[in-house]
N, C-alpha and C. Protein backbone atom coordinates (compact mmCIF):
# COMPACT_ATOMS: atom_id res chain seq x y z
N UNK A 1 0.93 -1.05 0.00
CA UNK A 1 0.04 -0.06 -0.09
C UNK A 1 0.76 1.20 -0.05
N UNK A 2 0.61 2.09 -1.00
CA UNK A 2 1.29 3.43 -0.83
C UNK A 2 0.17 4.47 -0.80
N UNK A 3 0.42 5.53 0.29
CA UNK A 3 -0.61 6.62 0.59
C UNK A 3 0.17 7.78 0.41
N UNK A 4 -0.23 8.76 -0.44
CA UNK A 4 0.27 10.22 -0.39
C UNK A 4 -0.66 11.23 -0.57
N UNK A 5 -0.62 12.41 0.20
CA UNK A 5 -1.78 13.43 -0.11
C UNK A 5 -1.36 14.07 -1.42
N UNK A 6 -2.46 14.40 -2.29
CA UNK A 6 -2.21 15.02 -3.47
C UNK A 6 -2.86 16.33 -3.49
N UNK A 7 -3.82 16.89 -2.78
CA UNK A 7 -4.41 18.10 -2.55
C UNK A 7 -4.69 18.30 -1.11
N UNK A 8 -5.32 19.41 -0.84
CA UNK A 8 -5.33 19.91 0.54
C UNK A 8 -6.35 18.88 1.22
N UNK A 9 -7.42 18.37 0.71
CA UNK A 9 -8.28 17.56 1.23
C UNK A 9 -8.44 16.23 0.65
N UNK A 10 -7.48 15.73 -0.12
CA UNK A 10 -7.57 14.60 -0.90
C UNK A 10 -6.38 13.76 -0.73
N UNK A 11 -6.44 12.43 -0.88
CA UNK A 11 -5.22 11.57 -0.79
C UNK A 11 -5.46 10.50 -1.81
N UNK A 12 -4.18 9.79 -2.44
CA UNK A 12 -4.27 8.85 -3.18
C UNK A 12 -3.77 7.59 -2.51
N UNK A 13 -4.49 6.45 -2.67
CA UNK A 13 -4.05 5.21 -2.03
C UNK A 13 -3.98 4.10 -3.21
N UNK A 14 -2.66 3.58 -3.30
CA UNK A 14 -2.22 2.43 -4.19
C UNK A 14 -2.29 1.32 -3.53
N UNK A 15 -3.11 0.35 -3.90
CA UNK A 15 -3.24 -1.00 -3.35
C UNK A 15 -2.58 -2.17 -4.28
N UNK A 16 -1.80 -3.02 -3.89
CA UNK A 16 -1.32 -3.97 -4.70
C UNK A 16 -2.14 -5.29 -4.63
N UNK A 17 -2.19 -5.99 -5.74
CA UNK A 17 -2.69 -7.47 -5.69
C UNK A 17 -4.11 -7.44 -5.53
N UNK A 18 -4.96 -6.33 -5.90
CA UNK A 18 -6.34 -6.48 -5.82
C UNK A 18 -6.93 -7.35 -6.93
N UNK A 19 -7.59 -8.44 -6.45
CA UNK A 19 -8.00 -9.53 -7.41
C UNK A 19 -9.01 -9.14 -8.41
N UNK A 20 -10.05 -8.21 -7.99
CA UNK A 20 -11.22 -7.92 -8.73
C UNK A 20 -11.93 -6.68 -8.47
N UNK A 21 -12.67 -6.11 -9.33
CA UNK A 21 -13.25 -5.06 -8.92
C UNK A 21 -14.20 -5.10 -7.81
N UNK A 22 -14.76 -6.25 -7.72
CA UNK A 22 -15.73 -6.48 -6.44
C UNK A 22 -14.93 -6.25 -5.05
N UNK A 23 -13.75 -6.77 -5.20
CA UNK A 23 -12.95 -6.55 -4.07
C UNK A 23 -12.43 -5.18 -3.69
N UNK A 24 -12.27 -4.51 -4.86
CA UNK A 24 -11.98 -2.98 -4.67
C UNK A 24 -13.08 -2.17 -4.15
N UNK A 25 -14.30 -2.69 -4.77
CA UNK A 25 -15.50 -1.94 -4.17
C UNK A 25 -15.74 -2.21 -2.59
N UNK A 26 -15.51 -3.45 -2.22
CA UNK A 26 -15.44 -3.93 -0.80
C UNK A 26 -14.68 -3.05 0.04
N UNK A 27 -13.41 -2.78 -0.42
CA UNK A 27 -12.58 -2.02 0.51
C UNK A 27 -12.93 -0.55 0.46
N UNK A 28 -13.51 -0.07 -0.68
CA UNK A 28 -14.09 1.31 -0.83
C UNK A 28 -15.13 1.45 0.17
N UNK A 29 -16.05 0.48 0.30
CA UNK A 29 -17.20 0.65 1.27
C UNK A 29 -16.71 0.65 2.84
N UNK A 30 -15.69 -0.07 3.08
CA UNK A 30 -15.12 0.08 4.36
C UNK A 30 -14.52 1.34 4.71
N UNK A 31 -13.76 1.92 3.63
CA UNK A 31 -13.12 3.03 3.93
C UNK A 31 -14.23 4.30 4.03
N UNK A 32 -15.13 4.15 3.30
CA UNK A 32 -16.39 5.31 3.40
C UNK A 32 -17.06 5.05 4.72
N UNK A 33 -17.07 3.94 5.29
CA UNK A 33 -17.86 3.66 6.44
C UNK A 33 -16.78 4.32 7.79
N UNK A 34 -15.65 4.17 7.40
CA UNK A 34 -14.65 4.76 8.29
C UNK A 34 -14.76 6.22 8.47
N UNK A 35 -15.01 6.97 7.52
CA UNK A 35 -15.45 8.40 7.58
C UNK A 35 -16.66 8.59 8.30
N UNK A 36 -17.63 7.90 8.00
CA UNK A 36 -18.98 8.05 8.58
C UNK A 36 -18.73 7.99 10.20
N UNK A 37 -18.11 6.93 10.57
CA UNK A 37 -18.06 6.62 11.93
C UNK A 37 -17.04 7.56 12.72
N UNK A 38 -16.13 8.13 11.97
CA UNK A 38 -15.19 8.94 12.61
C UNK A 38 -15.70 9.98 13.74
N UNK A 39 -15.21 9.83 14.89
CA UNK A 39 -15.53 10.82 15.90
C UNK A 39 -14.21 11.38 16.73
N UNK A 40 -14.47 12.48 17.04
CA UNK A 40 -13.24 13.17 17.72
C UNK A 40 -13.69 13.30 19.13
N UNK A 41 -13.39 12.16 19.88
CA UNK A 41 -13.97 12.35 21.47
C UNK A 41 -15.41 12.04 21.35
N UNK A 42 -16.13 12.73 22.15
CA UNK A 42 -17.56 12.60 22.48
C UNK A 42 -18.39 13.48 21.45
N UNK A 43 -17.68 14.50 20.86
CA UNK A 43 -18.46 15.32 19.97
C UNK A 43 -17.94 15.18 18.62
N UNK A 44 -18.68 15.70 17.50
CA UNK A 44 -18.31 15.75 16.32
C UNK A 44 -18.52 17.23 15.69
N UNK A 45 -17.28 17.89 15.80
CA UNK A 45 -17.36 19.32 15.51
C UNK A 45 -17.73 19.72 14.16
N UNK A 46 -17.40 18.73 13.23
CA UNK A 46 -17.66 19.02 11.84
C UNK A 46 -17.96 17.70 11.08
N UNK A 47 -18.41 17.65 10.01
CA UNK A 47 -18.67 16.42 9.31
C UNK A 47 -17.58 16.12 8.39
N UNK A 48 -17.16 14.87 8.28
CA UNK A 48 -16.16 14.19 7.43
C UNK A 48 -16.74 13.22 6.60
N UNK A 49 -16.50 13.38 5.27
CA UNK A 49 -17.09 12.49 4.43
C UNK A 49 -16.14 12.00 3.46
N UNK A 50 -16.26 10.80 2.84
CA UNK A 50 -15.35 10.31 1.91
C UNK A 50 -15.83 9.94 0.48
N UNK A 51 -15.24 10.32 -0.50
CA UNK A 51 -15.77 9.99 -1.85
C UNK A 51 -14.33 9.27 -2.42
N UNK A 52 -14.63 8.16 -3.20
CA UNK A 52 -13.59 7.45 -3.71
C UNK A 52 -13.73 7.27 -5.26
N UNK A 53 -12.66 7.33 -5.88
CA UNK A 53 -12.58 7.05 -7.34
C UNK A 53 -11.63 5.79 -7.54
N UNK A 54 -12.19 4.94 -8.14
CA UNK A 54 -11.52 3.58 -8.32
C UNK A 54 -11.08 3.48 -9.85
N UNK A 55 -9.74 2.95 -9.96
CA UNK A 55 -9.42 2.31 -11.29
C UNK A 55 -8.53 1.28 -11.17
N UNK A 56 -8.44 0.43 -12.05
CA UNK A 56 -7.70 -0.78 -11.94
C UNK A 56 -6.86 -0.98 -13.32
N UNK A 57 -5.42 -1.07 -13.16
CA UNK A 57 -4.64 -1.42 -14.25
C UNK A 57 -5.01 -2.79 -14.80
N UNK A 58 -4.54 -2.99 -15.98
CA UNK A 58 -4.17 -2.02 -17.09
C UNK A 58 -5.45 -1.44 -17.94
N UNK A 59 -6.59 -1.99 -17.56
CA UNK A 59 -7.67 -1.35 -18.18
C UNK A 59 -7.85 0.17 -18.13
N UNK A 60 -7.51 0.66 -17.04
CA UNK A 60 -7.75 2.19 -16.68
C UNK A 60 -6.40 2.87 -16.51
N UNK A 61 -5.54 2.45 -17.37
CA UNK A 61 -4.24 3.19 -17.43
C UNK A 61 -2.96 2.25 -17.27
N UNK A 62 -1.95 2.58 -17.98
CA UNK A 62 -0.94 1.58 -18.00
C UNK A 62 0.46 2.37 -17.49
N UNK A 63 0.43 3.60 -17.26
CA UNK A 63 1.49 4.22 -16.80
C UNK A 63 1.22 5.04 -15.48
N UNK A 64 2.11 5.59 -14.75
CA UNK A 64 1.95 6.43 -13.48
C UNK A 64 0.84 7.42 -13.78
N UNK A 65 1.16 8.40 -14.64
CA UNK A 65 0.27 9.55 -14.97
C UNK A 65 -1.11 9.25 -15.23
N UNK A 66 -1.38 8.05 -16.01
CA UNK A 66 -2.69 7.73 -16.08
C UNK A 66 -3.36 7.09 -14.87
N UNK A 67 -2.42 6.40 -14.02
CA UNK A 67 -2.95 5.91 -12.78
C UNK A 67 -3.30 6.96 -11.87
N UNK A 68 -2.76 8.07 -11.87
CA UNK A 68 -3.17 9.29 -11.11
C UNK A 68 -4.44 9.95 -11.69
N UNK A 69 -4.54 10.10 -12.88
CA UNK A 69 -5.47 10.88 -13.57
C UNK A 69 -6.98 10.06 -13.65
N UNK A 70 -6.85 8.85 -13.81
CA UNK A 70 -8.14 8.16 -14.07
C UNK A 70 -8.92 7.97 -12.83
N UNK A 71 -8.36 7.73 -11.89
CA UNK A 71 -9.26 7.76 -10.45
C UNK A 71 -9.66 9.02 -10.08
N UNK A 72 -8.95 9.92 -10.63
CA UNK A 72 -9.35 11.39 -10.12
C UNK A 72 -10.59 11.71 -11.03
N UNK A 73 -10.72 11.42 -12.17
CA UNK A 73 -11.99 11.52 -13.04
C UNK A 73 -13.07 10.75 -12.29
N UNK A 74 -12.89 9.59 -11.88
CA UNK A 74 -13.95 8.81 -11.17
C UNK A 74 -14.20 9.54 -9.80
N UNK A 75 -13.39 10.06 -9.20
CA UNK A 75 -13.47 10.67 -7.90
C UNK A 75 -14.53 11.87 -7.97
N UNK A 76 -14.21 12.74 -9.03
CA UNK A 76 -15.03 13.87 -9.23
C UNK A 76 -16.50 13.53 -9.72
N UNK A 77 -16.58 12.26 -10.50
CA UNK A 77 -17.83 11.81 -10.75
C UNK A 77 -18.62 11.35 -9.45
N UNK A 78 -17.91 10.78 -8.57
CA UNK A 78 -18.45 10.27 -7.28
C UNK A 78 -19.00 11.39 -6.46
N UNK A 79 -18.21 12.55 -6.42
CA UNK A 79 -18.64 13.73 -5.70
C UNK A 79 -19.98 14.25 -6.17
N UNK A 80 -20.13 14.14 -7.59
CA UNK A 80 -21.38 14.61 -8.12
C UNK A 80 -22.54 13.83 -7.76
N UNK A 81 -22.40 12.48 -7.36
CA UNK A 81 -23.41 11.58 -6.98
C UNK A 81 -23.76 11.76 -5.40
N UNK A 82 -22.80 12.39 -4.74
CA UNK A 82 -23.08 12.79 -3.16
C UNK A 82 -21.91 12.40 -2.39
N UNK A 83 -22.04 12.51 -1.09
CA UNK A 83 -20.99 12.06 -0.10
C UNK A 83 -20.99 10.51 0.35
N UNK A 84 -19.88 10.07 0.75
CA UNK A 84 -19.73 8.90 1.33
C UNK A 84 -20.13 7.73 0.45
N UNK A 85 -19.57 7.85 -0.94
CA UNK A 85 -19.59 6.86 -1.87
C UNK A 85 -18.48 6.71 -2.75
N UNK A 86 -18.57 5.77 -3.66
CA UNK A 86 -17.58 5.37 -4.42
C UNK A 86 -17.90 5.16 -5.92
N UNK A 87 -17.12 5.25 -6.74
CA UNK A 87 -17.25 5.03 -8.22
C UNK A 87 -16.05 4.48 -8.96
N UNK A 88 -16.25 3.49 -9.89
CA UNK A 88 -15.12 3.05 -10.65
C UNK A 88 -15.08 3.93 -12.00
N UNK A 89 -13.81 3.98 -12.64
CA UNK A 89 -13.82 4.64 -13.75
C UNK A 89 -14.45 3.77 -14.90
N UNK A 90 -15.13 4.46 -15.73
CA UNK A 90 -15.72 3.68 -16.83
C UNK A 90 -15.08 3.96 -18.21
């Protein structure tokens, strides 16, 4: 797993050996639920949500630049759909 921030409120997560899109979607559901359940002590001073864009090589990009750009496109489509959800690149 490689994680790095790429914008003020976004980060990119690369996972190796993901066997299928179904597996990637299950991981995405778990990550979204972490954002929903995130509490800071007893109070929740602000809402935190997670939107996830998914891509899987080689169908969604074969080089590093494509692997950064393609999930970003899916991410912004996800944000159009609402909060706390995920979308794969089509």
